[in-house]
Protein backbone atom coordinates (compact mmCIF):
# COMPACT_ATOMS: atom_id res chain seq x y z
CA UNK A 1 -46.12 17.29 11.73
CA UNK A 2 -45.68 13.98 13.56
CA UNK A 3 -44.18 13.69 17.02
CA UNK A 4 -44.29 11.37 20.02
CA UNK A 5 -47.31 11.91 22.27
CA UNK A 6 -44.84 12.62 25.08
CA UNK A 7 -43.97 15.93 23.37
CA UNK A 8 -47.57 17.19 23.03
CA UNK A 9 -48.51 20.23 25.09
CA UNK A 10 -51.39 20.28 27.56
CA UNK A 11 -54.55 21.79 26.12
CA UNK A 12 -53.94 20.49 22.61
CA UNK A 13 -55.94 17.97 20.63
CA UNK A 14 -53.99 15.46 18.54
CA UNK A 15 -54.74 12.47 16.32
CA UNK A 16 -52.99 9.12 16.80
CA UNK A 17 -50.99 8.33 13.66
CA UNK A 18 -49.24 5.11 14.71
CA UNK A 19 -48.28 3.00 17.71
CA UNK A 20 -44.66 1.89 17.44
CA UNK A 21 -44.63 -0.89 20.02
CA UNK A 22 -44.72 -4.64 20.39
CA UNK A 23 -47.89 -6.68 20.14
CA UNK A 24 -48.58 -6.71 23.89
CA UNK A 25 -48.41 -2.93 24.29
CA UNK A 26 -50.34 -2.34 21.06
CA UNK A 27 -53.11 -4.61 22.37
CA UNK A 28 -53.15 -2.89 25.75
CA UNK A 29 -53.38 0.57 24.18
CA UNK A 30 -56.02 -0.61 21.69
CA UNK A 31 -58.18 -1.86 24.58
CA UNK A 32 -58.10 1.72 25.92
CA UNK A 33 -59.04 3.16 22.52
CA UNK A 34 -55.58 4.46 21.64
CA UNK A 35 -55.51 3.27 18.03
CA UNK A 36 -54.53 5.03 14.78
CA UNK A 37 -57.18 7.58 13.89
CA UNK A 38 -58.28 8.25 17.48
CA UNK A 39 -58.60 11.92 18.44
CA UNK A 40 -57.25 12.61 21.94
CA UNK A 41 -56.96 15.68 24.16
CA UNK A 42 -53.75 16.22 26.11
CA UNK A 43 -54.90 17.12 29.62
CA UNK A 44 -51.61 17.11 31.51
CA UNK A 45 -47.96 16.76 30.58
CA UNK A 46 -45.26 17.99 32.93
CA UNK A 47 -42.47 16.47 30.83
CA UNK A 48 -41.68 13.80 33.43
CA UNK A 49 -43.77 11.28 35.32
CA UNK A 50 -47.10 10.53 33.71
CA UNK A 51 -49.10 12.07 30.89
CA UNK A 52 -52.88 12.46 31.13
CA UNK A 53 -55.05 12.29 28.01
CA UNK A 54 -58.78 12.54 27.47
CA UNK A 55 -60.42 10.03 25.16
CA UNK A 56 -64.15 9.36 24.67
CA UNK A 57 -65.10 11.08 27.91
CA UNK A 58 -62.47 9.27 29.99
CA UNK A 59 -59.09 10.32 31.32
CA UNK A 60 -56.18 7.94 30.90
CA UNK A 61 -52.75 8.25 32.50
CA UNK A 62 -49.80 6.92 30.51
CA UNK A 63 -46.18 6.55 31.50
CA UNK A 64 -43.63 8.49 29.47
CA UNK A 65 -42.25 5.25 28.01
CA UNK A 66 -45.65 4.45 26.51
CA UNK A 67 -46.21 8.04 25.40
CA UNK A 68 -42.94 8.02 23.45
CA UNK A 69 -44.17 5.02 21.40
CA UNK A 70 -47.39 6.72 20.28
CA UNK A 71 -46.93 8.94 17.18
CA UNK A 72 -49.41 11.79 16.89
CA UNK A 73 -50.12 14.66 14.53
CA UNK A 74 -51.98 17.96 14.84
């Protein structure tokens, strides 16, 4: 089941399916490792404000606007 990253619950692990954004945002996310196929752990998601994900031993905070453009699957 695919959904926006913004809807993922804390404590879950999801795989990036696609990034539905313009070139600039795709490049920015790719530089952080958020590319299709990447496995990420959702660390924090209160439903508003920022979303915290774990990727390759690092924690990254994303705004909800960015998180809505990243499609993930279980």
